[in-house]
Amino acid sequence: MKSQASRLLAAASLLAANPMLTPVALVIVASLLFTSAIGQVQTPVRTLLALSKTDHQLAIVDPATLKVLARIPVGEDPHEVIASTDGRTAYVTNYGGGSLHELDIIDLVSQKPISSLDTRPLFGPHGIAFANGKAYLTAEGSKAVVRYDPATGKLDWSMGTGQDRTHMIYVTPDGKRIYTTNVSSGTVSILVDTILSPMGPGGPGAKNIPPPPGSQKTPPPSGSMPPPPPGGGTRETWTQTVIPTARGSEGFDVTPDGKQLWTASSETGVITVIDLGSKKSAASIDAKTFGANRLKFTPDGRQAFITSLSTGTLFIFDVQTHKEIKKIQTGHGAAGILMDPDGNRAFVACSNDNTIIIVDLKTLSITGHLDVGGVPDGMAWATRP
């Protein structure tokens, strides 16, 4: 297929070379010019990204008009999507129940795929987040978390959790803390980037072993700083705290103030509240959210939305009182949730009904639908400065 520029050039050349074109020919040339001008709708500064699992596509949606501006092909089992901080690049994980190993990278400005990264030996990329210039994703099939560096185009770090089905992920903006749910283990992992004290002579736990004969050196002049001990200097490492929740805890979110993590269990219907300061469970809510798939807080942090993939129910809870406010029947199965940062609406992917519903956050009622293709699920915002 010719590019827009080549079509435009061809039409202009045809007009210049044939000033006496017939009316029909003029219509054809005009059509070429018009098609070239509108062939690709520009990506707005702020867009909604939504995946269709069965169509294997990423839809770019204008949030103002709710029109799909472009559909970009992705891998065979796309589940989650995130955009870079500058809103120019999208990253899509292809899951395959923990068996696949593909991360798709997409240019949102040109609306074209850039590349597909093979994540092997790490399998089952699923949950994904972007922080501090890098993409972080779970590798469920390998019980791990992995980091991708766009500057080098490579995976530059990974850490095992030792937990079954490390699935969803949240990363603090500075990239220093990572939270994951481990669905089959019924736990939450808190990974913290930690600075350790120096090792070796002079470090913690060092034994007072005399130096070998002849190794003593002339002491430094009075008042000067001694050289660092061998093996000196701080070291960076990651530590993990595993917190029991309930088996089937999958969808989760962190409150806007960063103090609590809530996760809902599909098997027990229990919401576990974790205090992130103490890294301990703070409450267990018998919410009866059976089939729970995703959990998201409203931008003001006052309410929590929980979807059920098995019943299609959208549960809405008051964060302060831990009480259910409302239930909304969305259809036959609800999955991904995306809150509008403006605080006016929420988008809920009704995967089993092949639609995304729009919920007014003030009235807590359904106000519209969005069609992005079959079995919609993962969604994200992309905002260019």
Protein backbone atom coordinates (compact mmCIF):
# COMPACT_ATOMS: atom_id res chain seq x y z
CA MET A 1 0.00 0.00 0.00
CA LYS A 2 1.31 3.45 -0.92
CA SER A 3 2.11 5.89 1.86
CA GLN A 4 0.07 9.07 2.26
CA ALA A 5 2.99 11.15 0.95
CA SER A 6 3.39 9.05 -2.21
CA ARG A 7 -0.35 9.14 -2.93
CA LEU A 8 -0.39 12.90 -2.51
CA LEU A 9 2.64 13.33 -4.77
CA ALA A 10 1.13 11.08 -7.44
CA ALA A 11 -2.13 13.02 -7.44
CA ALA A 12 -0.39 16.38 -7.60
CA SER A 13 1.85 15.20 -10.48
CA LEU A 14 -1.21 13.96 -12.37
CA LEU A 15 -2.90 17.34 -12.06
CA ALA A 16 0.22 19.22 -13.19
CA ALA A 17 0.76 17.00 -16.23
CA ASN A 18 -2.87 16.94 -17.34
CA PRO A 19 -4.54 20.34 -16.99
CA MET A 20 -7.43 19.24 -19.29
CA LEU A 21 -8.59 16.22 -17.26
CA THR A 22 -12.19 15.07 -17.73
CA PRO A 23 -14.68 15.67 -14.86
CA VAL A 24 -14.56 11.98 -13.89
CA ALA A 25 -10.76 12.04 -13.77
CA LEU A 26 -10.87 15.19 -11.67
CA VAL A 27 -13.14 13.45 -9.17
CA ILE A 28 -10.69 10.53 -8.93
CA VAL A 29 -7.72 12.86 -8.37
CA ALA A 30 -9.67 14.85 -5.78
CA SER A 31 -10.50 11.60 -4.01
CA LEU A 32 -6.82 10.69 -3.93
CA LEU A 33 -5.95 14.03 -2.41
CA PHE A 34 -8.74 13.77 0.18
CA THR A 35 -7.81 10.22 1.14
CA SER A 36 -4.20 11.26 1.55
CA ALA A 37 -5.20 14.12 3.81
CA ILE A 38 -7.39 12.06 6.15
CA GLY A 39 -5.97 8.56 5.73
CA GLN A 40 -4.56 8.51 9.25
CA VAL A 41 -6.26 10.27 12.13
CA GLN A 42 -3.64 11.86 14.34
CA THR A 43 -3.23 10.42 17.81
CA PRO A 44 -4.55 12.98 20.32
CA VAL A 45 -2.38 14.14 23.20
CA ARG A 46 -4.44 11.96 25.55
CA THR A 47 -5.73 8.56 24.46
CA LEU A 48 -7.32 5.47 25.93
CA LEU A 49 -5.63 2.19 25.06
CA ALA A 50 -7.68 -1.02 25.09
CA LEU A 51 -6.84 -4.60 24.12
CA SER A 52 -8.99 -7.08 22.25
CA LYS A 53 -7.89 -10.63 23.04
CA THR A 54 -9.68 -12.42 20.21
CA ASP A 55 -8.89 -9.80 17.56
CA HIS A 56 -5.25 -9.61 18.72
CA GLN A 57 -5.33 -5.84 18.51
CA LEU A 58 -4.60 -2.72 20.50
CA ALA A 59 -7.25 -0.05 19.97
CA ILE A 60 -6.32 3.63 20.28
CA VAL A 61 -9.43 5.52 21.40
CA ASP A 62 -10.18 9.23 21.56
CA PRO A 63 -11.56 9.62 25.12
CA ALA A 64 -13.52 12.74 24.16
CA THR A 65 -15.50 11.18 21.29
CA LEU A 66 -15.04 7.48 22.23
CA LYS A 67 -14.12 6.79 18.61
CA VAL A 68 -11.53 4.14 17.78
CA LEU A 69 -8.79 5.97 15.88
CA ALA A 70 -6.57 3.00 15.06
CA ARG A 71 -6.28 -0.74 15.60
CA ILE A 72 -2.74 -2.09 15.84
CA PRO A 73 -1.92 -5.82 15.59
CA VAL A 74 -0.29 -7.42 18.64
CA GLY A 75 0.58 -10.98 19.71
CA GLU A 76 -1.66 -14.00 20.01
CA ASP A 77 -2.80 -13.55 23.63
CA PRO A 78 -2.62 -9.89 24.71
CA HIS A 79 -3.67 -9.32 28.33
CA GLU A 80 -2.26 -6.08 29.74
CA VAL A 81 -1.03 -2.77 28.31
CA ILE A 82 0.81 0.26 29.67
CA ALA A 83 2.16 3.46 28.13
CA SER A 84 5.48 5.17 28.72
CA THR A 85 5.49 8.33 30.81
CA ASP A 86 5.83 10.51 27.69
CA GLY A 87 2.78 8.81 26.12
CA ARG A 88 4.61 7.92 22.92
CA THR A 89 5.11 4.18 23.38
CA ALA A 90 2.85 1.32 24.47
CA TYR A 91 3.90 -2.06 25.85
CA VAL A 92 1.65 -5.14 25.58
CA THR A 93 2.18 -8.45 27.39
CA ASN A 94 1.24 -11.74 25.75
CA TYR A 95 0.42 -14.24 28.45
CA GLY A 96 -0.75 -17.62 27.17
CA GLY A 97 -1.53 -18.90 30.66
CA GLY A 98 2.13 -18.53 31.59
CA SER A 99 3.52 -20.19 28.46
CA LEU A 100 4.18 -17.32 26.03
CA HIS A 101 7.22 -15.02 26.00
CA GLU A 102 6.40 -11.90 23.97
CA LEU A 103 6.38 -8.19 24.83
CA ASP A 104 5.02 -6.03 22.01
CA ILE A 105 6.33 -2.47 21.69
CA ILE A 106 4.18 0.04 19.77
CA ASP A 107 4.70 3.59 18.53
CA LEU A 108 1.52 5.44 19.50
CA VAL A 109 2.30 8.54 17.44
CA SER A 110 2.79 6.72 14.12
CA GLN A 111 0.28 4.05 15.23
CA LYS A 112 2.58 1.21 14.21
CA PRO A 113 4.32 -1.74 15.89
CA ILE A 114 7.99 -1.13 16.67
CA SER A 115 9.15 -4.59 17.68
CA SER A 116 8.37 -7.71 19.68
CA LEU A 117 10.77 -8.68 22.45
CA ASP A 118 11.34 -12.33 23.30
CA THR A 119 11.34 -12.48 27.12
CA ARG A 120 12.77 -16.00 27.35
CA PRO A 121 13.98 -17.56 29.59
CA LEU A 122 11.21 -15.77 31.46
CA PHE A 123 7.75 -17.03 30.50
CA GLY A 124 4.18 -15.80 30.86
CA PRO A 125 4.49 -12.00 30.89
CA HIS A 126 1.25 -10.59 32.28
CA GLY A 127 0.95 -7.61 34.64
CA ILE A 128 2.86 -4.52 33.50
CA ALA A 129 3.72 -1.08 34.87
CA PHE A 130 5.94 1.80 33.80
CA ALA A 131 8.05 3.73 36.30
CA ASN A 132 11.27 5.73 36.38
CA GLY A 133 11.80 5.30 32.63
CA LYS A 134 11.45 1.52 32.55
CA ALA A 135 8.75 -1.14 32.07
CA TYR A 136 8.21 -3.70 34.83
CA LEU A 137 6.30 -6.91 34.19
CA THR A 138 5.46 -10.16 35.89
CA ALA A 139 6.63 -13.44 34.39
CA GLU A 140 4.03 -15.76 35.85
CA GLY A 141 5.35 -18.92 34.24
CA SER A 142 8.76 -18.27 35.83
CA LYS A 143 7.52 -16.99 39.22
CA ALA A 144 9.37 -13.75 38.69
CA VAL A 145 9.32 -10.02 38.06
CA VAL A 146 11.38 -8.57 35.22
CA ARG A 147 12.39 -5.07 34.06
CA TYR A 148 12.78 -3.80 30.49
CA ASP A 149 14.99 -0.83 29.65
CA PRO A 150 13.80 1.05 26.52
CA ALA A 151 17.17 2.80 26.22
CA THR A 152 19.03 -0.46 25.60
CA GLY A 153 16.13 -2.52 24.27
CA LYS A 154 16.96 -5.29 26.73
CA LEU A 155 15.74 -6.90 29.93
CA ASP A 156 18.15 -5.53 32.53
CA TRP A 157 16.94 -7.05 35.83
CA SER A 158 14.77 -9.82 37.22
CA MET A 159 13.92 -11.30 40.60
CA GLY A 160 12.14 -14.50 41.52
CA THR A 161 9.27 -14.43 44.00
CA GLY A 162 9.10 -18.17 44.64
CA GLN A 163 5.31 -17.78 44.62
CA ASP A 164 2.74 -19.44 42.37
CA ARG A 165 1.14 -17.30 39.65
CA THR A 166 2.87 -13.96 40.19
CA HIS A 167 0.26 -12.12 38.16
CA MET A 168 -0.50 -8.40 38.62
CA ILE A 169 2.00 -5.64 39.42
CA TYR A 170 2.25 -2.12 40.83
CA VAL A 171 5.47 -0.08 40.92
CA THR A 172 6.02 3.15 42.83
CA PRO A 173 6.98 6.12 40.60
CA ASP A 174 10.62 6.03 41.74
CA GLY A 175 10.90 2.32 40.89
CA LYS A 176 12.01 1.48 44.43
CA ARG A 177 9.02 -0.64 45.49
CA ILE A 178 7.16 -3.35 43.61
CA TYR A 179 3.94 -5.02 44.69
CA THR A 180 2.59 -8.21 43.13
CA THR A 181 -0.28 -10.62 43.77
CA ASN A 182 0.55 -14.33 43.69
CA VAL A 183 -2.81 -15.85 42.82
CA SER A 184 -2.40 -19.55 43.57
CA SER A 185 -0.18 -19.00 46.61
CA GLY A 186 -2.69 -16.55 48.06
CA THR A 187 -0.03 -13.97 48.88
CA VAL A 188 1.20 -10.47 48.10
CA SER A 189 4.92 -9.84 47.52
CA ILE A 190 6.49 -6.53 48.51
CA LEU A 191 9.86 -6.08 46.80
CA VAL A 192 12.00 -3.20 48.06
CA ASP A 193 15.18 -1.82 46.51
CA THR A 194 17.54 -1.86 49.48
CA ILE A 195 21.02 -0.43 50.10
CA LEU A 196 23.28 -2.69 52.14
CA SER A 197 26.31 -1.70 54.18
CA PRO A 198 29.81 -2.50 52.88
CA MET A 199 31.05 -6.08 52.94
CA GLY A 200 34.54 -7.31 53.70
CA PRO A 201 37.00 -5.97 56.31
CA GLY A 202 35.37 -3.14 58.22
CA GLY A 203 31.88 -4.16 57.17
CA PRO A 204 29.14 -5.61 59.38
CA GLY A 205 30.09 -9.00 60.82
CA ALA A 206 33.72 -8.67 59.86
CA LYS A 207 36.03 -10.69 62.07
CA ASN A 208 39.06 -9.11 63.70
CA ILE A 209 41.65 -11.11 61.73
CA PRO A 210 45.19 -9.69 61.85
CA PRO A 211 46.74 -8.90 58.47
CA PRO A 212 49.38 -11.28 57.13
CA PRO A 213 53.03 -10.46 57.90
CA GLY A 214 54.52 -7.81 55.68
CA SER A 215 51.14 -6.50 54.57
CA GLN A 216 51.10 -3.50 56.95
CA LYS A 217 51.42 -0.19 55.18
CA THR A 218 52.62 3.16 56.40
CA PRO A 219 49.71 4.87 58.16
CA PRO A 220 48.30 7.93 56.43
CA PRO A 221 49.35 11.38 57.61
CA SER A 222 47.54 12.73 60.63
CA GLY A 223 44.21 14.36 59.71
CA SER A 224 43.84 12.64 56.32
CA MET A 225 40.96 10.27 55.49
CA PRO A 226 41.90 6.58 55.50
CA PRO A 227 41.27 4.63 52.29
CA PRO A 228 38.05 2.59 52.09
CA PRO A 229 38.34 -1.00 53.28
CA PRO A 230 38.63 -3.79 50.71
CA GLY A 231 35.21 -4.64 49.35
CA GLY A 232 33.98 -1.31 50.67
CA GLY A 233 31.14 0.75 49.31
CA THR A 234 27.44 0.22 49.67
CA ARG A 235 25.63 -2.51 47.72
CA GLU A 236 22.23 -2.50 46.12
CA THR A 237 19.90 -5.46 46.49
CA TRP A 238 16.19 -6.27 46.61
CA THR A 239 14.40 -7.72 49.61
CA GLN A 240 11.03 -9.50 49.58
CA THR A 241 8.28 -9.58 52.17
CA VAL A 242 5.51 -12.14 51.52
CA ILE A 243 2.14 -11.38 53.11
CA PRO A 244 -0.60 -14.04 53.28
CA THR A 245 -3.96 -12.96 51.81
CA ALA A 246 -6.42 -15.54 50.45
CA ARG A 247 -6.06 -18.01 47.63
CA GLY A 248 -7.32 -16.46 44.40
CA SER A 249 -6.22 -12.91 45.30
CA GLU A 250 -5.54 -11.41 41.88
CA GLY A 251 -6.79 -7.90 41.19
CA PHE A 252 -5.37 -5.24 43.48
CA ASP A 253 -4.61 -1.55 43.79
CA VAL A 254 -2.76 0.88 46.04
CA THR A 255 -4.63 3.80 47.58
CA PRO A 256 -3.73 7.21 46.09
CA ASP A 257 -1.94 8.16 49.33
CA GLY A 258 0.26 5.04 49.03
CA LYS A 259 -0.65 3.77 52.51
CA GLN A 260 -2.79 0.72 51.80
CA LEU A 261 -3.03 -2.13 49.30
CA TRP A 262 -6.38 -3.86 48.72
CA THR A 263 -6.72 -7.20 46.95
CA ALA A 264 -9.85 -9.29 46.36
CA SER A 265 -10.01 -13.09 46.27
CA SER A 266 -11.97 -14.81 43.51
CA GLU A 267 -12.25 -18.02 45.54
CA THR A 268 -13.22 -16.76 49.01
CA GLY A 269 -14.77 -13.40 48.14
CA VAL A 270 -12.59 -11.76 50.82
CA ILE A 271 -10.86 -8.39 50.43
CA THR A 272 -7.51 -8.23 52.23
CA VAL A 273 -6.28 -4.78 53.31
CA ILE A 274 -2.51 -4.47 53.76
CA ASP A 275 -0.79 -1.64 55.63
CA LEU A 276 2.19 -0.82 53.42
CA GLY A 277 4.06 0.97 56.18
CA SER A 278 4.20 -2.03 58.49
CA LYS A 279 3.98 -4.57 55.65
CA LYS A 280 1.24 -6.42 57.51
CA SER A 281 -2.38 -7.34 56.95
CA ALA A 282 -4.59 -4.66 58.50
CA ALA A 283 -8.09 -5.99 57.79
CA SER A 284 -10.04 -8.79 56.15
CA ILE A 285 -13.39 -7.84 54.66
CA ASP A 286 -15.93 -10.60 54.03
CA ALA A 287 -17.08 -8.85 50.86
CA LYS A 288 -18.43 -11.91 49.02
CA THR A 289 -16.82 -10.69 45.80
CA PHE A 290 -16.76 -14.19 44.32
CA GLY A 291 -15.08 -14.37 40.93
CA ALA A 292 -13.16 -11.15 41.69
CA ASN A 293 -10.84 -10.30 38.82
CA ARG A 294 -9.71 -6.67 39.16
CA LEU A 295 -9.80 -3.98 41.86
CA LYS A 296 -9.27 -0.25 41.34
CA PHE A 297 -9.65 2.84 43.52
CA THR A 298 -11.41 5.95 42.30
CA PRO A 299 -9.01 8.89 41.78
CA ASP A 300 -10.12 10.48 45.07
CA GLY A 301 -9.45 7.23 46.94
CA ARG A 302 -12.93 7.11 48.45
CA GLN A 303 -14.28 4.06 46.63
CA ALA A 304 -13.01 0.70 45.41
CA PHE A 305 -14.39 -0.96 42.28
CA ILE A 306 -14.17 -4.77 42.04
CA THR A 307 -15.19 -6.76 38.97
CA SER A 308 -16.33 -10.38 38.90
CA LEU A 309 -15.35 -12.36 35.83
CA SER A 310 -17.67 -15.22 36.76
CA THR A 311 -20.86 -13.27 37.56
CA GLY A 312 -20.46 -9.97 35.69
CA THR A 313 -21.08 -8.01 38.90
CA LEU A 314 -19.33 -4.71 39.57
CA PHE A 315 -18.99 -4.25 43.35
CA ILE A 316 -18.43 -0.75 44.73
CA PHE A 317 -17.08 -0.38 48.28
CA ASP A 318 -16.55 2.58 50.59
CA VAL A 319 -12.84 2.62 51.43
CA GLN A 320 -13.21 4.23 54.85
CA THR A 321 -16.10 2.13 56.19
CA HIS A 322 -15.28 -1.08 54.26
CA LYS A 323 -18.99 -1.32 53.40
CA GLU A 324 -20.56 -2.16 50.06
CA ILE A 325 -22.17 0.88 48.43
CA LYS A 326 -23.65 -0.60 45.29
CA LYS A 327 -23.70 -3.54 42.88
CA ILE A 328 -24.02 -3.04 39.14
CA GLN A 329 -24.79 -5.95 36.83
CA THR A 330 -22.58 -5.36 33.81
CA GLY A 331 -23.34 -8.53 31.87
CA HIS A 332 -21.91 -12.04 31.99
CA GLY A 333 -18.32 -11.35 33.06
CA ALA A 334 -16.35 -8.20 33.94
CA ALA A 335 -12.56 -7.85 33.97
CA GLY A 336 -10.27 -4.84 33.44
CA ILE A 337 -11.01 -1.50 35.10
CA LEU A 338 -9.61 1.88 34.09
CA MET A 339 -10.33 5.06 36.04
CA ASP A 340 -10.41 8.40 34.26
CA PRO A 341 -7.91 10.64 36.10
CA ASP A 342 -10.41 13.48 35.69
CA GLY A 343 -12.55 11.67 38.27
CA ASN A 344 -15.72 11.60 36.16
CA ARG A 345 -15.95 8.05 34.83
CA ALA A 346 -14.66 4.52 34.92
CA PHE A 347 -14.23 2.09 32.04
CA VAL A 348 -15.02 -1.57 32.75
CA ALA A 349 -14.13 -4.29 30.26
CA CYS A 350 -17.00 -6.78 30.04
CA SER A 351 -14.93 -9.49 28.41
CA ASN A 352 -17.70 -12.08 28.13
CA ASP A 353 -20.00 -9.55 26.45
CA ASN A 354 -17.43 -8.08 24.01
CA THR A 355 -17.94 -4.53 25.20
CA ILE A 356 -16.56 -1.88 27.55
CA ILE A 357 -19.09 -0.09 29.73
CA ILE A 358 -18.70 3.46 30.98
CA VAL A 359 -19.70 4.20 34.57
CA ASP A 360 -20.42 7.72 35.82
CA LEU A 361 -18.50 8.10 39.10
CA LYS A 362 -20.97 10.63 40.48
CA THR A 363 -24.17 8.70 39.87
CA LEU A 364 -22.60 5.22 39.83
CA SER A 365 -24.64 4.32 36.79
CA ILE A 366 -23.84 3.01 33.31
CA THR A 367 -23.85 5.83 30.78
CA GLY A 368 -22.46 4.24 27.63
CA HIS A 369 -20.63 1.46 25.82
CA LEU A 370 -17.42 1.25 23.81
CA ASP A 371 -16.61 -1.39 21.19
CA VAL A 372 -12.91 -2.16 20.76
CA GLY A 373 -13.24 -5.75 19.55
CA GLY A 374 -13.79 -9.22 20.96
CA VAL A 375 -13.02 -10.02 24.60
CA PRO A 376 -11.67 -6.64 25.78
CA ASP A 377 -9.56 -6.67 28.93
CA GLY A 378 -6.41 -4.64 29.66
CA MET A 379 -6.66 -0.83 29.37
CA ALA A 380 -4.37 2.11 30.04
CA TRP A 381 -3.98 5.85 29.47
CA ALA A 382 -1.35 7.41 27.23
CA THR A 383 -0.73 11.13 27.72
CA ARG A 384 1.88 13.17 25.89
CA PRO A 385 3.16 16.33 27.61
